Full PDB file with SEQRES, HELIX, SHEET, SSBOND, CRYST1, ORIGX, SCALE, CONECT and MASTER records, all heavy atoms in Angstrom:
SEQRES   1 A   30  GLN VAL ILE PHE VAL GLY ALA PHE GLY PRO GLU GLY TYR          
SEQRES   2 A   30  LEU TRP ARG PHE PHE GLY SER LEU ILE ASN GLY MET PRO          
SEQRES   3 A   30  ASN PHE GLU TYR                                              
HELIX    1 AA1 VAL A    2  PHE A    8  1                                   7    
HELIX    2 AA2 TYR A   13  ILE A   22  1                                  10    
CRYST1    1.000    1.000    1.000  90.00  90.00  90.00 P 1           1          
ORIGX1      1.000000  0.000000  0.000000        0.00000                         
ORIGX2      0.000000  1.000000  0.000000        0.00000                         
ORIGX3      0.000000  0.000000  1.000000        0.00000                         
SCALE1      1.000000  0.000000  0.000000        0.00000                         
SCALE2      0.000000  1.000000  0.000000        0.00000                         
SCALE3      0.000000  0.000000  1.000000        0.00000                         
ATOM      1  N   GLN A   1      -7.773  20.066  20.189  1.00  0.00           N  
ATOM      2  CA  GLN A   1      -8.285  21.201  19.418  1.00  0.00           C  
ATOM      3  C   GLN A   1      -7.902  21.083  17.943  1.00  0.00           C  
ATOM      4  O   GLN A   1      -8.731  21.316  17.056  1.00  0.00           O  
ATOM      5  CB  GLN A   1      -7.746  22.507  20.008  1.00  0.00           C  
ATOM      6  CG  GLN A   1      -8.331  23.760  19.381  1.00  0.00           C  
ATOM      7  CD  GLN A   1      -7.782  25.030  20.024  1.00  0.00           C  
ATOM      8  OE1 GLN A   1      -6.710  25.020  20.620  1.00  0.00           O  
ATOM      9  NE2 GLN A   1      -8.516  26.113  19.910  1.00  0.00           N  
ATOM     10  N   VAL A   2      -6.650  20.676  17.683  1.00  0.00           N  
ATOM     11  CA  VAL A   2      -6.198  20.515  16.300  1.00  0.00           C  
ATOM     12  C   VAL A   2      -6.981  19.400  15.605  1.00  0.00           C  
ATOM     13  O   VAL A   2      -7.390  19.525  14.438  1.00  0.00           O  
ATOM     14  CB  VAL A   2      -4.686  20.198  16.260  1.00  0.00           C  
ATOM     15  CG1 VAL A   2      -4.242  19.847  14.842  1.00  0.00           C  
ATOM     16  CG2 VAL A   2      -3.887  21.393  16.769  1.00  0.00           C  
ATOM     17  N   ILE A   3      -7.207  18.285  16.312  1.00  0.00           N  
ATOM     18  CA  ILE A   3      -7.943  17.159  15.730  1.00  0.00           C  
ATOM     19  C   ILE A   3      -9.372  17.565  15.396  1.00  0.00           C  
ATOM     20  O   ILE A   3      -9.881  17.275  14.303  1.00  0.00           O  
ATOM     21  CB  ILE A   3      -7.946  15.959  16.698  1.00  0.00           C  
ATOM     22  CG1 ILE A   3      -6.524  15.390  16.840  1.00  0.00           C  
ATOM     23  CG2 ILE A   3      -8.902  14.869  16.210  1.00  0.00           C  
ATOM     24  CD1 ILE A   3      -6.420  14.300  17.880  1.00  0.00           C  
ATOM     25  N   PHE A   4     -10.029  18.257  16.326  1.00  0.00           N  
ATOM     26  CA  PHE A   4     -11.424  18.652  16.111  1.00  0.00           C  
ATOM     27  C   PHE A   4     -11.548  19.608  14.922  1.00  0.00           C  
ATOM     28  O   PHE A   4     -12.401  19.429  14.047  1.00  0.00           O  
ATOM     29  CB  PHE A   4     -11.980  19.311  17.371  1.00  0.00           C  
ATOM     30  CG  PHE A   4     -13.438  19.667  17.274  1.00  0.00           C  
ATOM     31  CD1 PHE A   4     -14.412  18.714  17.496  1.00  0.00           C  
ATOM     32  CD2 PHE A   4     -13.831  20.956  16.931  1.00  0.00           C  
ATOM     33  CE1 PHE A   4     -15.760  19.030  17.396  1.00  0.00           C  
ATOM     34  CE2 PHE A   4     -15.166  21.294  16.826  1.00  0.00           C  
ATOM     35  CZ  PHE A   4     -16.140  20.320  17.059  1.00  0.00           C  
ATOM     36  N   VAL A   5     -10.666  20.609  14.897  1.00  0.00           N  
ATOM     37  CA  VAL A   5     -10.718  21.578  13.800  1.00  0.00           C  
ATOM     38  C   VAL A   5     -10.352  20.908  12.479  1.00  0.00           C  
ATOM     39  O   VAL A   5     -10.976  21.160  11.440  1.00  0.00           O  
ATOM     40  CB  VAL A   5      -9.771  22.767  14.080  1.00  0.00           C  
ATOM     41  CG1 VAL A   5      -9.686  23.688  12.870  1.00  0.00           C  
ATOM     42  CG2 VAL A   5     -10.252  23.545  15.300  1.00  0.00           C  
ATOM     43  N   GLY A   6      -9.345  20.007  12.503  1.00  0.00           N  
ATOM     44  CA  GLY A   6      -8.918  19.342  11.285  1.00  0.00           C  
ATOM     45  C   GLY A   6      -9.979  18.423  10.701  1.00  0.00           C  
ATOM     46  O   GLY A   6     -10.060  18.244   9.481  1.00  0.00           O  
ATOM     47  N   ALA A   7     -10.800  17.838  11.579  1.00  0.00           N  
ATOM     48  CA  ALA A   7     -11.820  16.909  11.098  1.00  0.00           C  
ATOM     49  C   ALA A   7     -13.156  17.595  10.830  1.00  0.00           C  
ATOM     50  O   ALA A   7     -13.815  17.321   9.823  1.00  0.00           O  
ATOM     51  CB  ALA A   7     -12.012  15.781  12.115  1.00  0.00           C  
ATOM     52  N   PHE A   8     -13.565  18.492  11.742  1.00  0.00           N  
ATOM     53  CA  PHE A   8     -14.923  19.056  11.667  1.00  0.00           C  
ATOM     54  C   PHE A   8     -14.963  20.558  11.422  1.00  0.00           C  
ATOM     55  O   PHE A   8     -16.042  21.146  11.361  1.00  0.00           O  
ATOM     56  CB  PHE A   8     -15.683  18.750  12.964  1.00  0.00           C  
ATOM     57  CG  PHE A   8     -15.725  17.292  13.298  1.00  0.00           C  
ATOM     58  CD1 PHE A   8     -14.936  16.783  14.323  1.00  0.00           C  
ATOM     59  CD2 PHE A   8     -16.532  16.422  12.583  1.00  0.00           C  
ATOM     60  CE1 PHE A   8     -14.968  15.431  14.638  1.00  0.00           C  
ATOM     61  CE2 PHE A   8     -16.567  15.074  12.893  1.00  0.00           C  
ATOM     62  CZ  PHE A   8     -15.778  14.572  13.921  1.00  0.00           C  
ATOM     63  N   GLY A   9     -13.804  21.208  11.296  1.00  0.00           N  
ATOM     64  CA  GLY A   9     -13.781  22.645  11.038  1.00  0.00           C  
ATOM     65  C   GLY A   9     -14.312  22.980   9.656  1.00  0.00           C  
ATOM     66  O   GLY A   9     -14.596  22.087   8.842  1.00  0.00           O  
ATOM     67  N   PRO A  10     -14.452  24.273   9.373  1.00  0.00           N  
ATOM     68  CA  PRO A  10     -14.982  24.694   8.051  1.00  0.00           C  
ATOM     69  C   PRO A  10     -14.210  24.101   6.880  1.00  0.00           C  
ATOM     70  O   PRO A  10     -14.779  23.805   5.833  1.00  0.00           O  
ATOM     71  CB  PRO A  10     -14.845  26.223   8.099  1.00  0.00           C  
ATOM     72  CG  PRO A  10     -14.860  26.555   9.559  1.00  0.00           C  
ATOM     73  CD  PRO A  10     -14.179  25.418  10.248  1.00  0.00           C  
ATOM     74  N   GLU A  11     -12.884  23.944   7.049  1.00  0.00           N  
ATOM     75  CA  GLU A  11     -12.053  23.350   5.993  1.00  0.00           C  
ATOM     76  C   GLU A  11     -11.584  21.961   6.386  1.00  0.00           C  
ATOM     77  O   GLU A  11     -10.546  21.481   5.911  1.00  0.00           O  
ATOM     78  CB  GLU A  11     -10.841  24.259   5.722  1.00  0.00           C  
ATOM     79  CG  GLU A  11     -11.202  25.641   5.214  1.00  0.00           C  
ATOM     80  CD  GLU A  11     -11.848  25.603   3.841  1.00  0.00           C  
ATOM     81  OE1 GLU A  11     -11.500  24.693   3.050  1.00  0.00           O  
ATOM     82  OE2 GLU A  11     -12.696  26.462   3.568  1.00  0.00           O  
ATOM     83  N   GLY A  12     -12.344  21.300   7.283  1.00  0.00           N  
ATOM     84  CA  GLY A  12     -11.954  19.987   7.777  1.00  0.00           C  
ATOM     85  C   GLY A  12     -12.017  18.901   6.722  1.00  0.00           C  
ATOM     86  O   GLY A  12     -12.712  19.017   5.709  1.00  0.00           O  
ATOM     87  N   TYR A  13     -11.278  17.817   6.968  1.00  0.00           N  
ATOM     88  CA  TYR A  13     -11.213  16.720   6.004  1.00  0.00           C  
ATOM     89  C   TYR A  13     -12.574  16.063   5.781  1.00  0.00           C  
ATOM     90  O   TYR A  13     -12.869  15.595   4.684  1.00  0.00           O  
ATOM     91  CB  TYR A  13     -10.206  15.665   6.486  1.00  0.00           C  
ATOM     92  CG  TYR A  13      -8.771  16.093   6.328  1.00  0.00           C  
ATOM     93  CD1 TYR A  13      -8.017  16.514   7.430  1.00  0.00           C  
ATOM     94  CD2 TYR A  13      -8.155  16.070   5.078  1.00  0.00           C  
ATOM     95  CE1 TYR A  13      -6.696  16.907   7.278  1.00  0.00           C  
ATOM     96  CE2 TYR A  13      -6.838  16.456   4.918  1.00  0.00           C  
ATOM     97  CZ  TYR A  13      -6.111  16.879   6.022  1.00  0.00           C  
ATOM     98  OH  TYR A  13      -4.813  17.277   5.870  1.00  0.00           O  
ATOM     99  N   LEU A  14     -13.399  16.001   6.821  1.00  0.00           N  
ATOM    100  CA  LEU A  14     -14.697  15.353   6.672  1.00  0.00           C  
ATOM    101  C   LEU A  14     -15.574  16.104   5.679  1.00  0.00           C  
ATOM    102  O   LEU A  14     -16.217  15.498   4.814  1.00  0.00           O  
ATOM    103  CB  LEU A  14     -15.384  15.270   8.037  1.00  0.00           C  
ATOM    104  CG  LEU A  14     -16.599  14.341   8.117  1.00  0.00           C  
ATOM    105  CD1 LEU A  14     -16.214  12.912   7.791  1.00  0.00           C  
ATOM    106  CD2 LEU A  14     -17.225  14.428   9.511  1.00  0.00           C  
ATOM    107  N   TRP A  15     -15.598  17.433   5.786  1.00  0.00           N  
ATOM    108  CA  TRP A  15     -16.407  18.229   4.874  1.00  0.00           C  
ATOM    109  C   TRP A  15     -15.825  18.217   3.467  1.00  0.00           C  
ATOM    110  O   TRP A  15     -16.562  18.267   2.477  1.00  0.00           O  
ATOM    111  CB  TRP A  15     -16.535  19.667   5.392  1.00  0.00           C  
ATOM    112  CG  TRP A  15     -17.021  19.740   6.806  1.00  0.00           C  
ATOM    113  CD1 TRP A  15     -16.429  20.396   7.839  1.00  0.00           C  
ATOM    114  CD2 TRP A  15     -18.192  19.124   7.351  1.00  0.00           C  
ATOM    115  NE1 TRP A  15     -17.143  20.234   8.992  1.00  0.00           N  
ATOM    116  CE2 TRP A  15     -18.240  19.450   8.728  1.00  0.00           C  
ATOM    117  CE3 TRP A  15     -19.208  18.314   6.832  1.00  0.00           C  
ATOM    118  CZ2 TRP A  15     -19.242  19.011   9.569  1.00  0.00           C  
ATOM    119  CZ3 TRP A  15     -20.215  17.870   7.677  1.00  0.00           C  
ATOM    120  CH2 TRP A  15     -20.227  18.222   9.016  1.00  0.00           C  
ATOM    121  N   ARG A  16     -14.504  18.126   3.368  1.00  0.00           N  
ATOM    122  CA  ARG A  16     -13.889  18.016   2.043  1.00  0.00           C  
ATOM    123  C   ARG A  16     -14.311  16.718   1.349  1.00  0.00           C  
ATOM    124  O   ARG A  16     -14.592  16.692   0.152  1.00  0.00           O  
ATOM    125  CB  ARG A  16     -12.355  18.044   2.169  1.00  0.00           C  
ATOM    126  CG  ARG A  16     -11.777  19.379   2.613  1.00  0.00           C  
ATOM    127  CD  ARG A  16     -10.260  19.300   2.577  1.00  0.00           C  
ATOM    128  NE  ARG A  16      -9.645  20.479   3.170  1.00  0.00           N  
ATOM    129  CZ  ARG A  16      -8.342  20.672   3.251  1.00  0.00           C  
ATOM    130  NH1 ARG A  16      -7.509  19.746   2.776  1.00  0.00           N  
ATOM    131  NH2 ARG A  16      -7.845  21.753   3.813  1.00  0.00           N  
ATOM    132  N   PHE A  17     -14.360  15.643   2.141  1.00  0.00           N  
ATOM    133  CA  PHE A  17     -14.780  14.361   1.563  1.00  0.00           C  
ATOM    134  C   PHE A  17     -16.241  14.421   1.116  1.00  0.00           C  
ATOM    135  O   PHE A  17     -16.575  13.956   0.017  1.00  0.00           O  
ATOM    136  CB  PHE A  17     -14.594  13.243   2.584  1.00  0.00           C  
ATOM    137  CG  PHE A  17     -15.159  11.928   2.142  1.00  0.00           C  
ATOM    138  CD1 PHE A  17     -14.540  11.191   1.144  1.00  0.00           C  
ATOM    139  CD2 PHE A  17     -16.334  11.435   2.717  1.00  0.00           C  
ATOM    140  CE1 PHE A  17     -15.070   9.980   0.723  1.00  0.00           C  
ATOM    141  CE2 PHE A  17     -16.864  10.231   2.294  1.00  0.00           C  
ATOM    142  CZ  PHE A  17     -16.228   9.496   1.293  1.00  0.00           C  
ATOM    143  N   PHE A  18     -17.104  14.984   1.969  1.00  0.00           N  
ATOM    144  CA  PHE A  18     -18.515  15.102   1.597  1.00  0.00           C  
ATOM    145  C   PHE A  18     -18.675  15.968   0.348  1.00  0.00           C  
ATOM    146  O   PHE A  18     -19.523  15.700  -0.512  1.00  0.00           O  
ATOM    147  CB  PHE A  18     -19.324  15.682   2.757  1.00  0.00           C  
ATOM    148  CG  PHE A  18     -19.544  14.703   3.875  1.00  0.00           C  
ATOM    149  CD1 PHE A  18     -19.659  15.148   5.191  1.00  0.00           C  
ATOM    150  CD2 PHE A  18     -19.622  13.349   3.621  1.00  0.00           C  
ATOM    151  CE1 PHE A  18     -19.873  14.256   6.221  1.00  0.00           C  
ATOM    152  CE2 PHE A  18     -19.828  12.432   4.663  1.00  0.00           C  
ATOM    153  CZ  PHE A  18     -19.937  12.885   5.957  1.00  0.00           C  
ATOM    154  N   GLY A  19     -17.852  17.024   0.240  1.00  0.00           N  
ATOM    155  CA  GLY A  19     -17.903  17.885  -0.937  1.00  0.00           C  
ATOM    156  C   GLY A  19     -17.535  17.130  -2.203  1.00  0.00           C  
ATOM    157  O   GLY A  19     -18.185  17.275  -3.248  1.00  0.00           O  
ATOM    158  N   SER A  20     -16.472  16.313  -2.121  1.00  0.00           N  
ATOM    159  CA  SER A  20     -16.078  15.517  -3.288  1.00  0.00           C  
ATOM    160  C   SER A  20     -17.124  14.463  -3.612  1.00  0.00           C  
ATOM    161  O   SER A  20     -17.342  14.117  -4.779  1.00  0.00           O  
ATOM    162  CB  SER A  20     -14.720  14.853  -3.027  1.00  0.00           C  
ATOM    163  OG  SER A  20     -14.817  13.896  -1.980  1.00  0.00           O  
ATOM    164  N   LEU A  21     -17.815  13.954  -2.565  1.00  0.00           N  
ATOM    165  CA  LEU A  21     -18.865  12.959  -2.780  1.00  0.00           C  
ATOM    166  C   LEU A  21     -20.059  13.571  -3.499  1.00  0.00           C  
ATOM    167  O   LEU A  21     -20.647  12.952  -4.405  1.00  0.00           O  
ATOM    168  CB  LEU A  21     -19.297  12.392  -1.420  1.00  0.00           C  
ATOM    169  CG  LEU A  21     -20.085  11.072  -1.419  1.00  0.00           C  
ATOM    170  CD1 LEU A  21     -19.232   9.949  -1.997  1.00  0.00           C  
ATOM    171  CD2 LEU A  21     -20.515  10.732   0.006  1.00  0.00           C  
ATOM    172  N   ILE A  22     -20.414  14.788  -3.097  1.00  0.00           N  
ATOM    173  CA  ILE A  22     -21.532  15.480  -3.733  1.00  0.00           C  
ATOM    174  C   ILE A  22     -21.224  15.780  -5.195  1.00  0.00           C  
ATOM    175  O   ILE A  22     -22.102  15.707  -6.062  1.00  0.00           O  
ATOM    176  CB  ILE A  22     -21.860  16.785  -2.966  1.00  0.00           C  
ATOM    177  CG1 ILE A  22     -22.413  16.448  -1.575  1.00  0.00           C  
ATOM    178  CG2 ILE A  22     -22.869  17.637  -3.739  1.00  0.00           C  
ATOM    179  CD1 ILE A  22     -22.598  17.652  -0.678  1.00  0.00           C  
ATOM    180  N   ASN A  23     -19.962  16.088  -5.466  1.00  0.00           N  
ATOM    181  CA  ASN A  23     -19.559  16.401  -6.845  1.00  0.00           C  
ATOM    182  C   ASN A  23     -19.430  15.161  -7.723  1.00  0.00           C  
ATOM    183  O   ASN A  23     -19.108  15.265  -8.910  1.00  0.00           O  
ATOM    184  CB  ASN A  23     -18.232  17.164  -6.850  1.00  0.00           C  
ATOM    185  CG  ASN A  23     -18.375  18.540  -6.231  1.00  0.00           C  
ATOM    186  OD1 ASN A  23     -19.439  19.159  -6.312  1.00  0.00           O  
ATOM    187  ND2 ASN A  23     -17.299  19.028  -5.613  1.00  0.00           N  
ATOM    188  N   GLY A  24     -19.667  13.995  -7.141  1.00  0.00           N  
ATOM    189  CA  GLY A  24     -19.597  12.753  -7.904  1.00  0.00           C  
ATOM    190  C   GLY A  24     -18.210  12.199  -8.084  1.00  0.00           C  
ATOM    191  O   GLY A  24     -18.012  11.234  -8.832  1.00  0.00           O  
ATOM    192  N   MET A  25     -17.214  12.789  -7.413  1.00  0.00           N  
ATOM    193  CA  MET A  25     -15.835  12.309  -7.499  1.00  0.00           C  
ATOM    194  C   MET A  25     -15.274  12.140  -6.088  1.00  0.00           C  
ATOM    195  O   MET A  25     -14.487  12.967  -5.597  1.00  0.00           O  
ATOM    196  CB  MET A  25     -14.966  13.281  -8.295  1.00  0.00           C  
ATOM    197  CG  MET A  25     -15.427  13.480  -9.738  1.00  0.00           C  
ATOM    198  SD  MET A  25     -14.396  14.687 -10.602  1.00  0.00           S  
ATOM    199  CE  MET A  25     -12.795  13.878 -10.559  1.00  0.00           C  
ATOM    200  N   PRO A  26     -15.712  11.086  -5.372  1.00  0.00           N  
ATOM    201  CA  PRO A  26     -15.275  10.900  -3.981  1.00  0.00           C  
ATOM    202  C   PRO A  26     -13.764  10.739  -3.862  1.00  0.00           C  
ATOM    203  O   PRO A  26     -13.165   9.916  -4.545  1.00  0.00           O  
ATOM    204  CB  PRO A  26     -16.007   9.630  -3.549  1.00  0.00           C  
ATOM    205  CG  PRO A  26     -16.347   8.921  -4.821  1.00  0.00           C  
ATOM    206  CD  PRO A  26     -16.565   9.989  -5.845  1.00  0.00           C  
ATOM    207  N   ASN A  27     -13.163  11.558  -3.022  1.00  0.00           N  
ATOM    208  CA  ASN A  27     -11.717  11.513  -2.800  1.00  0.00           C  
ATOM    209  C   ASN A  27     -11.466  10.912  -1.414  1.00  0.00           C  
ATOM    210  O   ASN A  27     -11.592  11.582  -0.397  1.00  0.00           O  
ATOM    211  CB  ASN A  27     -11.130  12.926  -2.886  1.00  0.00           C  
ATOM    212  CG  ASN A  27      -9.606  12.912  -2.876  1.00  0.00           C  
ATOM    213  OD1 ASN A  27      -8.989  11.905  -2.532  1.00  0.00           O  
ATOM    214  ND2 ASN A  27      -9.003  14.022  -3.246  1.00  0.00           N  
ATOM    215  N   PHE A  28     -11.110   9.630  -1.416  1.00  0.00           N  
ATOM    216  CA  PHE A  28     -10.940   8.921  -0.147  1.00  0.00           C  
ATOM    217  C   PHE A  28      -9.644   9.309   0.569  1.00  0.00           C  
ATOM    218  O   PHE A  28      -9.425   8.907   1.712  1.00  0.00           O  
ATOM    219  CB  PHE A  28     -10.982   7.412  -0.394  1.00  0.00           C  
ATOM    220  CG  PHE A  28     -12.342   6.912  -0.777  1.00  0.00           C  
ATOM    221  CD1 PHE A  28     -12.662   6.720  -2.117  1.00  0.00           C  
ATOM    222  CD2 PHE A  28     -13.309   6.656   0.180  1.00  0.00           C  
ATOM    223  CE1 PHE A  28     -13.920   6.267  -2.492  1.00  0.00           C  
ATOM    224  CE2 PHE A  28     -14.569   6.195  -0.171  1.00  0.00           C  
ATOM    225  CZ  PHE A  28     -14.891   6.012  -1.512  1.00  0.00           C  
ATOM    226  N   GLU A  29      -8.780  10.074  -0.094  1.00  0.00           N  
ATOM    227  CA  GLU A  29      -7.567  10.549   0.576  1.00  0.00           C  
ATOM    228  C   GLU A  29      -7.902  11.477   1.732  1.00  0.00           C  
ATOM    229  O   GLU A  29      -7.132  11.593   2.686  1.00  0.00           O  
ATOM    230  CB  GLU A  29      -6.665  11.271  -0.423  1.00  0.00           C  
ATOM    231  CG  GLU A  29      -6.015  10.344  -1.443  1.00  0.00           C  
ATOM    232  CD  GLU A  29      -5.048  11.089  -2.335  1.00  0.00           C  
ATOM    233  OE1 GLU A  29      -4.848  12.303  -2.094  1.00  0.00           O  
ATOM    234  OE2 GLU A  29      -4.485  10.466  -3.257  1.00  0.00           O  
ATOM    235  N   TYR A  30      -9.062  12.142   1.636  1.00  0.00           N  
ATOM    236  CA  TYR A  30      -9.472  13.026   2.723  1.00  0.00           C  
ATOM    237  C   TYR A  30      -9.811  12.246   3.996  1.00  0.00           C  
ATOM    238  O   TYR A  30      -9.770  12.803   5.098  1.00  0.00           O  
ATOM    239  CB  TYR A  30     -10.682  13.863   2.301  1.00  0.00           C  
ATOM    240  CG  TYR A  30     -10.378  14.894   1.239  1.00  0.00           C  
ATOM    241  CD1 TYR A  30     -11.261  15.132   0.197  1.00  0.00           C  
ATOM    242  CD2 TYR A  30      -9.207  15.632   1.273  1.00  0.00           C  
ATOM    243  CE1 TYR A  30     -10.994  16.082  -0.782  1.00  0.00           C  
ATOM    244  CE2 TYR A  30      -8.915  16.580   0.302  1.00  0.00           C  
ATOM    245  CZ  TYR A  30      -9.817  16.791  -0.727  1.00  0.00           C  
ATOM    246  OH  TYR A  30      -9.540  17.729  -1.688  1.00  0.00           O  
TER     247      TYR A  30                                                      
MASTER        0    0    0    2    0    0    0    6  246    1    0    3          
END                                                                             
């Protein structure tokens, strides 16, 4: 449950990375 929420939840790392990618500053730390 923690892994799923951490990766795909509203504040998950995957969406954070996509957000940084859209903004033109990809943050691979996510």
